[in-house]
Protein backbone atom coordinates (compact mmCIF):
# COMPACT_ATOMS: atom_id res chain seq x y z
CA MET A 1 0.00 0.00 0.00
CA SER A 2 1.41 3.39 -1.04
CA ASP A 3 2.74 6.18 1.16
CA ASP A 4 0.01 8.48 -0.15
CA LEU A 5 -2.67 6.21 1.28
CA ASN A 6 -0.91 6.07 4.64
CA LYS A 7 -1.35 9.85 4.96
CA LYS A 8 -5.10 9.32 5.32
CA LEU A 9 -6.49 8.03 8.60
CA THR A 10 -8.43 4.79 9.02
CA LYS A 11 -11.64 5.24 11.02
CA ILE A 12 -13.35 2.72 13.28
CA ILE A 13 -16.89 3.64 14.37
CA PRO A 14 -19.08 1.42 16.57
CA LEU A 15 -22.76 2.11 15.88
CA GLY A 16 -24.01 -0.29 18.56
CA GLY A 17 -23.09 -2.94 21.08
CA ILE A 18 -21.19 -0.73 23.52
CA GLU A 19 -22.70 -0.23 27.00
CA GLU A 20 -25.58 -2.50 25.95
CA ILE A 21 -26.44 -6.09 25.06
CA GLY A 22 -27.44 -6.21 21.39
CA LYS A 23 -27.33 -3.93 18.33
CA ASN A 24 -23.78 -5.07 17.54
CA MET A 25 -22.49 -3.11 14.54
CA THR A 26 -19.12 -1.59 13.65
CA ILE A 27 -17.91 0.46 10.68
CA ILE A 28 -14.32 0.41 9.42
CA GLU A 29 -13.52 3.16 6.91
CA HIS A 30 -10.54 4.30 4.90
CA ASP A 31 -10.83 7.11 2.36
CA ASP A 32 -13.41 5.97 -0.21
CA GLU A 33 -14.15 2.51 1.26
CA ILE A 34 -16.32 1.36 4.15
CA PHE A 35 -17.06 -2.14 5.32
CA ILE A 36 -19.47 -3.08 8.08
CA VAL A 37 -19.12 -5.82 10.70
CA ASP A 38 -22.51 -7.20 11.85
CA CYS A 39 -25.88 -5.46 12.00
CA GLY A 40 -27.91 -6.65 14.98
CA ILE A 41 -30.97 -5.75 17.01
CA LYS A 42 -31.63 -5.19 20.69
CA PHE A 43 -34.88 -6.62 22.02
CA ALA A 44 -37.16 -3.97 23.50
CA ASP A 45 -38.86 -4.15 26.88
CA GLU A 46 -42.48 -4.17 25.74
CA ASN A 47 -43.60 -3.19 29.24
CA VAL A 48 -41.84 0.14 28.73
CA LEU A 49 -41.91 0.63 24.95
CA PHE A 50 -45.40 -0.44 24.00
CA GLY A 51 -45.73 -1.58 20.40
CA VAL A 52 -41.96 -1.73 19.88
CA ASN A 53 -40.47 -5.17 19.14
CA ALA A 54 -36.82 -4.27 18.80
CA ILE A 55 -34.27 -1.45 18.59
CA ILE A 56 -31.65 -1.04 15.86
CA CYS A 57 -28.78 1.34 15.15
CA PRO A 58 -29.28 4.56 13.17
CA PHE A 59 -28.08 4.24 9.57
CA ASP A 60 -27.68 7.99 8.83
CA TYR A 61 -23.90 7.84 8.43
CA LEU A 62 -24.12 4.82 6.12
CA ILE A 63 -26.90 6.40 4.05
CA ALA A 64 -24.75 9.53 3.59
CA ASN A 65 -21.75 7.39 2.60
CA GLU A 66 -23.53 4.63 0.70
CA HIS A 67 -21.20 5.07 -2.30
CA LYS A 68 -18.24 3.98 -0.14
CA ILE A 69 -19.69 0.69 1.14
CA VAL A 70 -17.90 -2.43 -0.15
CA GLY A 71 -19.57 -5.07 2.01
CA LEU A 72 -21.10 -6.39 5.23
CA PHE A 73 -19.27 -9.11 7.17
CA VAL A 74 -21.52 -11.13 9.51
CA THR A 75 -19.61 -12.97 12.23
CA HIS A 76 -22.48 -15.36 13.09
CA ALA A 77 -26.25 -15.81 12.92
CA HIS A 78 -27.47 -14.53 16.29
CA GLU A 79 -30.18 -11.87 16.25
CA ASP A 80 -27.96 -9.34 18.03
CA HIS A 81 -25.66 -9.60 14.98
CA ILE A 82 -28.08 -10.17 12.05
CA GLY A 83 -31.49 -8.83 13.18
CA GLY A 84 -30.94 -5.34 11.75
CA ILE A 85 -29.92 -6.49 8.25
CA PRO A 86 -33.43 -6.37 6.69
CA TYR A 87 -33.85 -2.76 7.85
CA LEU A 88 -30.37 -1.83 6.62
CA LEU A 89 -31.29 -3.24 3.20
CA LYS A 90 -34.45 -1.14 3.18
CA SER A 91 -32.20 1.92 3.52
CA ILE A 92 -29.12 1.23 1.36
CA ASN A 93 -27.62 -1.14 -1.20
CA ILE A 94 -25.01 -3.63 0.04
CA PRO A 95 -22.71 -4.95 -2.70
CA LYS A 96 -21.83 -8.15 -0.81
CA ILE A 97 -22.93 -9.85 2.42
CA TYR A 98 -20.12 -12.15 3.58
CA GLY A 99 -20.68 -15.01 6.01
CA PHE A 100 -20.06 -18.68 6.66
CA LYS A 101 -22.57 -21.09 5.11
CA LEU A 102 -25.08 -21.48 7.95
CA THR A 103 -25.07 -17.73 8.63
CA THR A 104 -25.93 -16.85 5.03
CA LEU A 105 -28.73 -19.45 4.94
CA ILE A 106 -30.35 -18.05 8.09
CA ILE A 107 -30.02 -14.46 6.86
CA ALA A 108 -31.49 -15.39 3.46
CA LYS A 109 -34.47 -17.03 5.19
CA LYS A 110 -34.99 -13.88 7.26
CA LEU A 111 -34.79 -11.58 4.23
CA ARG A 112 -37.51 -13.54 2.43
CA GLU A 113 -39.94 -12.30 5.08
CA HIS A 114 -39.35 -8.65 4.11
CA LYS A 115 -40.34 -6.54 1.12
CA ASP A 116 -38.84 -3.44 -0.52
CA LEU A 117 -35.22 -4.49 0.01
CA LYS A 118 -32.50 -2.82 -2.01
CA THR A 119 -29.84 -4.80 -3.88
CA TYR A 120 -27.57 -7.28 -2.13
CA GLU A 121 -25.60 -10.42 -2.92
CA PHE A 122 -24.28 -13.21 -0.70
CA GLU A 123 -20.75 -14.54 -0.79
CA VAL A 124 -20.14 -17.66 1.28
CA ILE A 125 -16.69 -17.65 2.88
CA ASP A 126 -14.78 -20.07 5.10
CA ASP A 127 -11.71 -20.22 7.32
CA ASN A 128 -9.35 -20.01 4.33
CA SER A 129 -11.06 -17.15 2.48
CA GLU A 130 -9.27 -13.86 1.85
CA ILE A 131 -11.13 -10.75 0.73
CA LYS A 132 -9.15 -7.93 -0.90
CA THR A 133 -10.47 -4.47 -1.70
CA LYS A 134 -8.73 -1.27 -2.75
CA HIS A 135 -7.57 -0.51 0.82
CA PHE A 136 -8.31 -3.60 2.91
CA LYS A 137 -7.26 -7.23 3.14
CA ILE A 138 -9.47 -9.39 5.38
CA ASN A 139 -8.88 -12.94 6.63
CA PHE A 140 -10.95 -15.07 8.98
CA TYR A 141 -10.45 -17.54 11.80
CA ARG A 142 -13.08 -19.93 13.18
CA VAL A 143 -14.27 -19.52 16.78
CA CYS A 144 -16.39 -21.61 19.14
CA HIS A 145 -19.61 -19.90 20.24
CA SER A 146 -23.16 -21.17 20.86
CA ILE A 147 -24.08 -21.56 17.18
CA PRO A 148 -22.06 -23.17 14.38
CA ASP A 149 -20.12 -21.18 11.77
CA CYS A 150 -18.73 -18.25 13.77
CA PHE A 151 -15.60 -16.29 12.92
CA GLY A 152 -13.31 -13.49 13.98
CA LEU A 153 -11.66 -11.12 11.50
CA PHE A 154 -8.05 -10.18 10.83
CA ILE A 155 -8.13 -6.86 8.98
CA GLU A 156 -5.12 -5.25 7.32
CA THR A 157 -5.64 -1.53 6.69
CA PRO A 158 -3.33 1.16 5.26
CA ASN A 159 -2.69 2.35 8.84
CA GLY A 160 -2.30 -0.88 10.74
CA LYS A 161 -3.60 -4.34 11.58
CA VAL A 162 -6.89 -4.90 13.42
CA VAL A 163 -8.52 -8.02 14.89
CA HIS A 164 -12.27 -8.15 15.57
CA THR A 165 -13.15 -11.12 17.82
CA GLY A 166 -16.86 -11.46 17.11
CA ASP A 167 -18.38 -13.57 19.91
CA PHE A 168 -16.09 -16.37 21.05
CA ARG A 169 -15.09 -18.80 23.77
CA PHE A 170 -12.58 -21.61 24.26
CA ASP A 171 -14.03 -25.10 24.74
CA LEU A 172 -11.16 -27.59 24.63
CA LEU A 173 -13.58 -30.54 24.56
CA ALA A 174 -15.63 -29.19 21.64
CA GLN A 175 -15.71 -31.16 18.42
CA GLY A 176 -16.28 -29.48 15.07
CA ASP A 177 -16.49 -25.77 15.77
CA GLU A 178 -13.41 -25.31 17.95
CA THR A 179 -11.74 -21.95 18.28
CA ASP A 180 -8.74 -22.12 15.94
CA ILE A 181 -5.98 -21.49 18.48
CA LEU A 182 -3.18 -22.18 16.00
CA LYS A 183 -4.45 -19.63 13.49
CA ILE A 184 -5.01 -17.04 16.22
CA ALA A 185 -1.42 -17.55 17.39
CA GLU A 186 -0.23 -17.17 13.79
CA ILE A 187 -2.14 -13.88 13.46
CA GLY A 188 -0.68 -12.74 16.79
CA ARG A 189 2.82 -12.95 15.32
CA LYS A 190 1.93 -10.30 12.73
CA ASP A 191 2.28 -7.29 15.06
CA ILE A 192 -1.40 -6.48 15.69
CA ASP A 193 -2.11 -2.81 16.40
CA LEU A 194 -5.70 -3.01 17.67
CA LEU A 195 -7.94 -5.70 19.14
CA LEU A 196 -11.71 -5.14 19.25
CA CYS A 197 -12.66 -7.64 21.95
CA GLU A 198 -16.10 -8.80 23.07
CA THR A 199 -16.73 -8.51 26.82
CA THR A 200 -20.08 -10.19 27.56
CA ASN A 201 -18.77 -12.71 30.10
CA SER A 202 -15.78 -10.74 31.42
CA GLU A 203 -17.02 -10.90 35.03
CA THR A 204 -16.86 -14.73 35.22
CA ARG A 205 -13.65 -16.21 36.59
CA GLY A 206 -11.73 -19.16 35.17
CA PHE A 207 -12.89 -21.22 32.19
CA SER A 208 -16.57 -21.82 31.49
CA SER A 209 -18.05 -25.32 31.51
CA SER A 210 -17.54 -27.42 28.44
CA GLU A 211 -20.57 -28.17 26.29
CA LYS A 212 -19.74 -31.87 26.75
CA ASN A 213 -20.28 -31.56 30.52
CA VAL A 214 -23.62 -29.81 29.94
CA VAL A 215 -24.81 -32.60 27.65
CA ASP A 216 -23.73 -35.28 30.14
CA GLU A 217 -25.78 -33.58 32.90
CA LEU A 218 -28.82 -33.26 30.61
CA ARG A 219 -28.51 -36.96 29.77
CA ARG A 220 -28.58 -37.83 33.47
CA ILE A 221 -31.63 -35.66 34.19
CA ILE A 222 -33.68 -36.74 31.16
CA SER A 223 -32.97 -40.45 31.69
CA LYS A 224 -34.47 -40.22 35.23
CA ALA A 225 -37.56 -38.22 34.25
CA LYS A 226 -40.80 -40.18 34.78
CA GLY A 227 -43.16 -37.88 32.88
CA ARG A 228 -43.04 -35.50 29.96
CA VAL A 229 -39.90 -33.41 29.50
CA PHE A 230 -40.01 -29.83 28.24
CA LEU A 231 -36.59 -28.44 27.37
CA THR A 232 -36.02 -24.82 26.41
CA THR A 233 -32.73 -23.35 25.26
CA PHE A 234 -31.55 -20.73 22.81
CA ALA A 235 -32.75 -21.66 19.33
CA SER A 236 -29.18 -21.20 18.11
CA GLN A 237 -27.74 -23.88 20.42
CA LEU A 238 -27.77 -26.35 17.55
CA SER A 239 -25.06 -28.72 18.76
CA ARG A 240 -26.83 -29.02 22.15
CA ILE A 241 -30.19 -29.50 20.44
CA GLU A 242 -28.72 -32.31 18.33
CA GLU A 243 -27.36 -33.99 21.47
CA VAL A 244 -30.72 -33.64 23.27
CA ILE A 245 -32.47 -35.24 20.29
CA GLU A 246 -30.04 -38.17 20.46
CA ILE A 247 -30.65 -38.44 24.24
CA ALA A 248 -34.40 -38.51 23.59
CA ILE A 249 -34.05 -41.25 20.99
CA SER A 250 -31.86 -43.35 23.30
CA ASN A 251 -34.54 -43.02 26.00
CA ASN A 252 -37.31 -44.04 23.55
CA ARG A 253 -38.85 -40.57 23.54
CA LYS A 254 -40.38 -38.94 20.48
CA ILE A 255 -39.55 -35.28 19.86
CA ALA A 256 -41.90 -32.37 19.26
CA LEU A 257 -40.61 -28.94 18.23
CA CYS A 258 -42.47 -25.80 19.31
CA GLY A 259 -41.29 -22.38 18.21
CA ARG A 260 -40.70 -20.79 14.85
CA SER A 261 -37.08 -19.75 15.40
CA LEU A 262 -36.20 -23.25 16.65
CA GLU A 263 -37.81 -24.90 13.63
CA THR A 264 -36.13 -22.45 11.23
CA ASN A 265 -32.65 -22.90 12.69
CA ILE A 266 -32.94 -26.70 12.65
CA GLU A 267 -34.19 -26.58 9.06
CA MET A 268 -31.24 -24.39 7.99
CA ALA A 269 -28.73 -26.50 9.94
CA ILE A 270 -29.96 -29.68 8.24
CA LYS A 271 -29.70 -27.91 4.87
CA ALA A 272 -26.12 -26.85 5.66
CA ASN A 273 -25.25 -30.43 6.80
CA TYR A 274 -24.54 -29.34 10.38
CA LEU A 275 -27.22 -31.56 11.85
CA ASN A 276 -27.64 -35.24 11.03
CA ILE A 277 -31.16 -35.92 12.25
CA SER A 278 -33.72 -38.47 11.13
CA LYS A 279 -37.24 -37.05 10.83
CA ASN A 280 -38.76 -40.39 11.86
CA SER A 281 -38.38 -39.57 15.55
CA PHE A 282 -40.38 -36.32 15.32
CA ILE A 283 -44.05 -35.73 15.95
CA GLU A 284 -46.19 -32.65 15.49
CA PRO A 285 -47.14 -30.60 18.60
CA ARG A 286 -50.81 -31.55 18.11
CA GLU A 287 -49.82 -35.24 18.47
CA VAL A 288 -48.20 -34.82 21.91
CA LYS A 289 -51.48 -35.57 23.72
CA ASN A 290 -51.57 -39.00 22.06
CA GLU A 291 -48.20 -40.09 23.51
CA LYS A 292 -47.46 -41.62 26.91
CA PRO A 293 -45.88 -39.02 29.26
CA ASN A 294 -42.60 -40.93 29.54
CA GLU A 295 -42.30 -41.32 25.76
CA VAL A 296 -42.16 -37.69 24.64
CA ILE A 297 -39.88 -34.67 24.90
CA ILE A 298 -40.87 -31.17 23.77
CA LEU A 299 -38.10 -28.82 22.60
CA LEU A 300 -39.35 -25.29 22.62
CA THR A 301 -38.54 -21.58 22.55
CA GLY A 302 -39.09 -19.18 25.44
CA SER A 303 -35.99 -19.52 27.62
CA GLN A 304 -35.95 -15.72 28.09
CA GLY A 305 -39.57 -15.44 29.19
CA GLU A 306 -40.69 -13.89 25.89
CA GLU A 307 -44.44 -13.35 26.06
CA MET A 308 -45.24 -14.79 22.62
CA ALA A 309 -42.77 -17.71 22.75
CA ALA A 310 -44.04 -21.28 22.94
CA LEU A 311 -43.19 -21.94 26.61
CA SER A 312 -44.89 -18.74 27.81
CA GLN A 313 -48.02 -19.58 25.81
CA ILE A 314 -48.09 -23.08 27.32
CA ALA A 315 -47.52 -21.73 30.85
CA VAL A 316 -50.60 -19.50 30.67
CA GLY A 317 -52.78 -22.06 28.90
CA LYS A 318 -52.90 -20.31 25.53
CA HIS A 319 -51.16 -22.97 23.42
CA PRO A 320 -53.63 -24.73 21.08
CA TRP A 321 -52.37 -28.30 21.70
CA ILE A 322 -50.15 -28.49 24.78
CA ALA A 323 -50.81 -27.67 28.45
CA ILE A 324 -48.70 -28.23 31.57
CA GLN A 325 -49.68 -31.33 33.57
CA GLN A 326 -48.76 -32.59 37.02
CA ASP A 327 -45.32 -34.30 37.02
CA ASP A 328 -44.13 -32.51 33.84
CA MET A 329 -40.47 -31.53 33.98
CA VAL A 330 -39.39 -28.20 32.46
CA ILE A 331 -35.64 -27.80 31.90
CA PHE A 332 -34.18 -24.32 31.35
CA SER A 333 -30.92 -25.16 29.55
CA SER A 334 -30.08 -21.47 29.41
CA SER A 335 -29.38 -18.42 31.54
CA PRO A 336 -31.27 -15.12 31.50
CA ILE A 337 -29.82 -12.40 29.32
CA PRO A 338 -29.30 -9.15 31.30
CA GLY A 339 -32.63 -7.35 31.29
CA ASN A 340 -34.68 -10.56 31.11
CA PHE A 341 -34.33 -11.78 34.71
CA LEU A 342 -37.78 -10.59 35.80
CA ASN A 343 -39.51 -12.10 32.75
CA VAL A 344 -37.81 -15.46 33.35
CA GLU A 345 -38.72 -15.45 37.06
CA ASN A 346 -42.36 -14.68 36.25
CA LEU A 347 -42.44 -17.52 33.74
CA MET A 348 -40.96 -19.98 36.25
CA ASN A 349 -43.54 -18.99 38.85
CA LYS A 350 -46.35 -19.72 36.37
CA LEU A 351 -44.84 -23.13 35.59
CA TYR A 352 -44.52 -23.99 39.30
CA LYS A 353 -48.17 -23.02 39.87
CA SER A 354 -49.18 -25.33 37.03
CA GLY A 355 -47.59 -28.28 38.82
CA ALA A 356 -44.38 -28.64 36.82
CA GLU A 357 -40.96 -29.47 38.20
CA VAL A 358 -38.59 -26.73 37.01
CA ILE A 359 -34.89 -27.48 36.51
CA VAL A 360 -32.49 -24.53 36.13
CA ASN A 361 -28.77 -24.04 35.69
CA THR A 362 -26.82 -23.90 39.00
CA GLN A 363 -23.23 -24.24 40.13
CA LYS A 364 -23.91 -27.83 41.22
CA GLN A 365 -26.11 -28.74 38.26
CA LYS A 366 -24.54 -27.31 35.09
CA ILE A 367 -27.11 -27.56 32.31
CA HIS A 368 -25.96 -24.49 30.41
CA ALA A 369 -22.62 -23.13 29.27
CA SER A 370 -22.19 -19.58 28.03
CA GLY A 371 -21.03 -18.98 24.47
CA HIS A 372 -18.92 -16.04 25.61
CA ALA A 373 -15.35 -15.92 26.82
CA THR A 374 -14.73 -15.75 30.56
CA GLU A 375 -11.94 -13.77 32.26
CA THR A 376 -9.31 -16.46 31.66
CA GLU A 377 -10.48 -17.11 28.09
CA GLN A 378 -10.25 -13.40 27.28
CA GLN A 379 -6.78 -13.26 28.79
CA LEU A 380 -5.74 -16.26 26.70
CA LEU A 381 -6.92 -14.63 23.47
CA ILE A 382 -5.25 -11.32 24.34
CA LYS A 383 -1.98 -13.14 25.07
CA LEU A 384 -2.21 -14.93 21.72
CA ILE A 385 -3.05 -11.78 19.73
CA ASN A 386 -0.64 -9.55 21.71
CA PRO A 387 -2.12 -6.24 20.45
CA HIS A 388 -0.71 -2.76 21.07
CA TYR A 389 -4.20 -1.40 21.88
CA ILE A 390 -7.50 -2.95 23.03
CA ILE A 391 -11.01 -1.53 22.62
CA PRO A 392 -13.81 -3.41 24.45
CA ILE A 393 -17.03 -4.05 22.52
CA HIS A 394 -20.22 -6.16 22.84
CA GLY A 395 -21.20 -5.60 26.46
CA GLU A 396 -22.68 -3.41 29.16
CA TYR A 397 -20.52 -0.83 30.96
CA THR A 398 -19.49 -3.13 33.83
CA MET A 399 -18.46 -5.79 31.32
CA LEU A 400 -16.34 -3.29 29.39
CA LYS A 401 -14.67 -2.16 32.62
CA ASN A 402 -14.04 -5.74 33.69
CA LEU A 403 -12.17 -6.45 30.47
CA ARG A 404 -9.83 -3.60 31.42
CA LYS A 405 -9.24 -5.29 34.80
CA ASN A 406 -8.61 -8.60 33.04
CA CYS A 407 -6.06 -6.89 30.77
CA LEU A 408 -4.25 -5.28 33.69
CA GLY A 409 -4.13 -8.71 35.33
CA ILE A 410 -1.85 -10.03 32.57
CA GLY A 411 0.55 -7.11 32.48
CA LEU A 412 -1.06 -4.63 30.10
CA THR A 413 -1.19 -0.96 31.09
CA SER A 414 -4.01 1.57 31.14
CA ASP A 415 -2.46 3.24 28.08
CA ASP A 416 -3.08 0.05 26.08
CA PHE A 417 -6.82 0.10 26.87
CA ILE A 418 -9.23 2.55 25.19
CA GLN A 419 -12.88 2.66 26.24
CA ILE A 420 -15.27 4.37 23.83
CA SER A 421 -18.99 4.95 23.29
CA ASN A 422 -21.40 4.15 20.47
CA GLY A 423 -20.89 6.56 17.59
CA GLN A 424 -17.45 7.70 18.72
CA ILE A 425 -14.91 7.96 15.90
CA VAL A 426 -11.63 6.15 16.54
CA GLU A 427 -8.66 6.97 14.32
CA LEU A 428 -5.89 4.54 13.37
CA ASP A 429 -2.81 6.40 12.15
CA ASN A 430 0.29 4.36 11.28
CA GLY A 431 -0.26 1.98 14.18
CA LYS A 432 -1.36 4.62 16.69
CA VAL A 433 -4.94 4.49 17.97
CA LYS A 434 -6.78 7.60 19.14
CA ALA A 435 -10.37 7.97 20.37
CA THR A 436 -11.49 11.37 19.06
CA ASP A 437 -14.10 13.75 20.48
CA ASP A 438 -16.14 13.40 17.28
CA PHE A 439 -19.31 11.33 17.07
CA VAL A 440 -21.66 10.30 14.30
CA ASP A 441 -25.35 10.93 14.97
CA MET A 442 -26.61 8.36 17.51
CA TYR A 443 -30.12 7.52 18.70
CA ASP A 444 -32.34 4.45 19.06
CA VAL A 445 -34.40 3.38 16.03
CA PHE A 446 -37.59 1.49 16.92
CA VAL A 447 -38.87 -1.52 14.98
CA ASP A 448 -42.56 -2.39 14.98
CA GLY A 449 -43.19 -5.71 13.24
CA ASN A 450 -41.30 -5.59 9.93
CA THR A 451 -41.16 -1.81 9.70
CA ILE A 452 -39.28 1.04 11.32
CA ASN A 453 -41.55 3.10 13.58
CA GLN A 454 -40.26 6.47 12.39
CA ASP A 455 -42.62 8.64 14.47
CA SER A 456 -41.55 7.02 17.76
CA THR A 457 -37.90 7.03 16.66
CA ASN A 458 -37.94 10.76 15.89
CA LEU A 459 -39.77 11.59 19.13
CA LEU A 460 -37.27 9.68 21.27
CA LYS A 461 -34.35 11.13 19.30
CA TYR A 462 -35.50 14.67 20.08
CA ARG A 463 -36.19 13.83 23.73
CA GLN A 464 -32.70 12.33 24.12
CA ILE A 465 -31.10 15.43 22.61
CA LEU A 466 -33.16 17.73 24.80
CA SER A 467 -32.36 15.81 27.99
CA GLN A 468 -28.63 15.60 27.31
CA ASP A 469 -27.75 18.65 25.20
CA GLY A 470 -30.67 21.09 25.45
CA ILE A 471 -32.11 23.34 22.76
CA LEU A 472 -30.97 26.50 20.97
CA ASN A 473 -33.51 28.82 19.33
CA ALA A 474 -32.24 31.29 16.74
CA THR A 475 -34.20 34.16 15.19
CA VAL A 476 -32.88 35.62 11.93
CA LEU A 477 -34.20 38.78 10.23
CA ILE A 478 -33.19 38.85 6.56
CA ASP A 479 -33.43 41.14 3.55
CA ARG A 480 -33.00 38.75 0.62
CA ARG A 481 -32.89 41.56 -1.99
CA SER A 482 -29.96 43.37 -0.42
CA LYS A 483 -28.49 40.05 0.82
CA LYS A 484 -28.13 41.40 4.33
CA ILE A 485 -29.01 40.18 7.81
CA ILE A 486 -30.93 42.89 9.65
CA ASP A 487 -29.28 43.44 13.03
CA LEU A 488 -27.67 40.53 14.87
CA PRO A 489 -29.52 37.19 15.13
CA ILE A 490 -31.19 36.55 18.48
CA ILE A 491 -30.45 33.25 20.20
CA SER A 492 -31.82 31.66 23.37
CA ILE A 493 -30.38 28.55 24.98
CA ARG A 494 -32.13 26.10 27.33
CA GLY A 495 -30.61 23.04 29.01
CA SER A 496 -27.27 23.20 27.24
CA PHE A 497 -25.13 25.75 29.09
CA TYR A 498 -25.68 28.97 31.02
CA ALA A 499 -25.38 31.66 28.34
CA LYS A 500 -25.02 34.60 30.76
CA SER A 501 -21.85 33.10 32.21
CA THR A 502 -20.18 32.83 28.79
CA PRO A 503 -20.96 36.06 26.85
CA PRO A 504 -17.85 35.76 24.61
CA LEU A 505 -19.04 32.39 23.31
CA VAL A 506 -22.56 33.70 22.65
CA ALA A 507 -21.11 36.72 20.85
CA LYS A 508 -18.94 34.49 18.64
CA ILE A 509 -21.97 32.38 17.72
CA VAL A 510 -24.17 35.39 16.92
CA TYR A 511 -21.58 37.27 14.83
CA SER A 512 -20.55 34.08 13.01
CA ILE A 513 -24.14 33.22 12.09
CA LYS A 514 -24.59 36.71 10.56
CA LYS A 515 -21.25 36.58 8.74
CA ASN A 516 -21.69 33.03 7.38
CA ILE A 517 -25.22 33.65 6.06
CA GLU A 518 -24.22 36.90 4.35
CA GLU A 519 -21.16 35.27 2.77
CA ALA A 520 -23.36 32.43 1.49
CA MET A 521 -25.84 34.91 -0.03
CA GLN A 522 -23.05 36.79 -1.82
CA LYS A 523 -21.84 33.59 -3.49
CA ILE A 524 -25.18 32.79 -5.21
CA SER A 525 -27.17 34.78 -7.76
CA ARG A 526 -30.60 33.57 -6.60
CA PRO A 527 -32.37 34.30 -3.30
CA ILE A 528 -31.17 31.99 -0.52
CA GLU A 529 -33.58 29.26 0.59
CA ASN A 530 -34.78 28.87 4.19
CA ASN A 531 -33.35 25.35 4.49
CA GLU A 532 -29.93 26.73 3.47
CA ILE A 533 -30.14 29.36 6.22
CA LYS A 534 -31.13 26.74 8.77
CA GLY A 535 -28.21 24.55 7.67
CA ILE A 536 -25.75 27.41 8.18
CA VAL A 537 -27.16 28.17 11.65
CA GLU A 538 -26.93 24.50 12.68
CA LYS A 539 -23.38 24.09 11.34
CA THR A 540 -22.16 27.30 12.97
CA THR A 541 -23.68 26.65 16.38
CA ASP A 542 -22.57 23.02 16.33
CA PHE A 543 -18.94 24.08 15.67
CA PHE A 544 -18.70 26.55 18.55
CA ILE A 545 -20.79 24.71 21.16
CA TRP A 546 -19.16 21.33 20.60
CA LYS A 547 -15.69 22.87 20.61
CA ASN A 548 -16.30 24.74 23.87
CA LYS A 549 -19.00 22.76 25.73
CA LYS A 550 -18.93 19.29 24.14
CA LYS A 551 -22.68 19.43 23.57
CA ARG A 552 -24.88 19.36 20.48
CA PRO A 553 -28.20 21.07 21.31
CA LEU A 554 -31.27 20.73 19.14
CA VAL A 555 -31.26 23.84 16.90
CA ARG A 556 -34.49 25.55 15.87
CA THR A 557 -34.31 28.56 13.51
CA ALA A 558 -37.09 31.13 12.92
CA ILE A 559 -36.60 33.24 9.76
CA PHE A 560 -38.39 36.54 9.12
CA ASP A 561 -38.18 38.47 5.84
CA ILE A 562 -37.88 42.25 6.12
């Protein structure tokens, strides 16, 4: 790559996933090229946001720079990494969507449920793929997670080398989708400048339980069950689901599947040859009542207490074919995602009241293993990669902070660790990483069904700005014929900063607004438009207030012709 290219900075911009669980999305940009890593959703609390199913990142920056986009890389097929893709494709064209085989199949299935999508094309990649663009070279390494076909990225840019972990863990007993330790070590010998590291399980000490141990415990529990067994887990836990199906068959139990996402993922996994399952052992949910209690197992969705999921519908007696009976056993082979604890507790209480025995994951009875790296697993990866800088991603604030503690525990310094926020622009300059004070426009975008709820999104966007940065009202008196501003503009500021304590700043803003509008009018032969005046006011106030107060108030401009 030429010296001329090195003079331009490489930008890294997280649009989501920082200080939150979900909405994982990161932009990497150099000059006239942008590629995107993941595009997920965050599930909304319907008790607070009525009528809102999910929250996605704002796409304003990508819409404005659509001509630069070269592709979207999807690390794996979890909703917090793929759920926003249909809405992204309703906004912009994506030349290529890159992913491992199972990931692309699940995304394609999801996209068929949506209309009015712009152009896109899939390219299936694998561990040995290498993607080259004008400015970037991207390689991949396989990681173990809680769904097959997951990868991390090794990205070579004109200003340095970057590794993006995706979601990962180390399971030394796993078979098939192991984290590729040898390839990670090989990448680590290439002088990595920056590691973008997921943090979701950074507060857990040691190594997490192996999936093999989880399956062994489930086998023990299911083999002793005297009645019907209900088992709920994440629909993406395909290797565990396959093992549970084999356990059911070995215990002469027929299997019923309840839940759309579960059925879809199994269908796609069979299509991708990740599951080797005979359909002869399956029955339809409506046939469950015809089976003896000790000869059936029901695999179902609802491990997070989702109101419309199969287990919740059964617990409240709303399922058309299945109801909880005395001596039923319900196994939660999962753990609550942060924010879902109350929903899960409420669901368990309903199941207990219905007479079911409820089995949950405990320290003594391990029936779930996280798909995310623990403290020791993060430290192992960081040692292997050996980066100059680390930026934590994919986690709430305490998780991000705990990754810092984990880094300090293996000899890194505070200077090596950079904590940022969603929308913050990070610059990579010849191996040096700097978190700037600049942000792209950030706010929550609400999804209602298959559409973006623009009215609610705009309302919340304005409320967030008002609560954090306040409002600035500007009044401009203009004579368009003489191309003059009559007197100085009048501004009032609420909730941003105390104007009376900073008269020099207010004076600079007022005089600059007048000067900039008059200069703009002199440059054009036609009368200036109101939207052009408003744009000048917004740009001028934004420059001075951000520079001096680090705030971006909502700007409202009233224009009067004299």
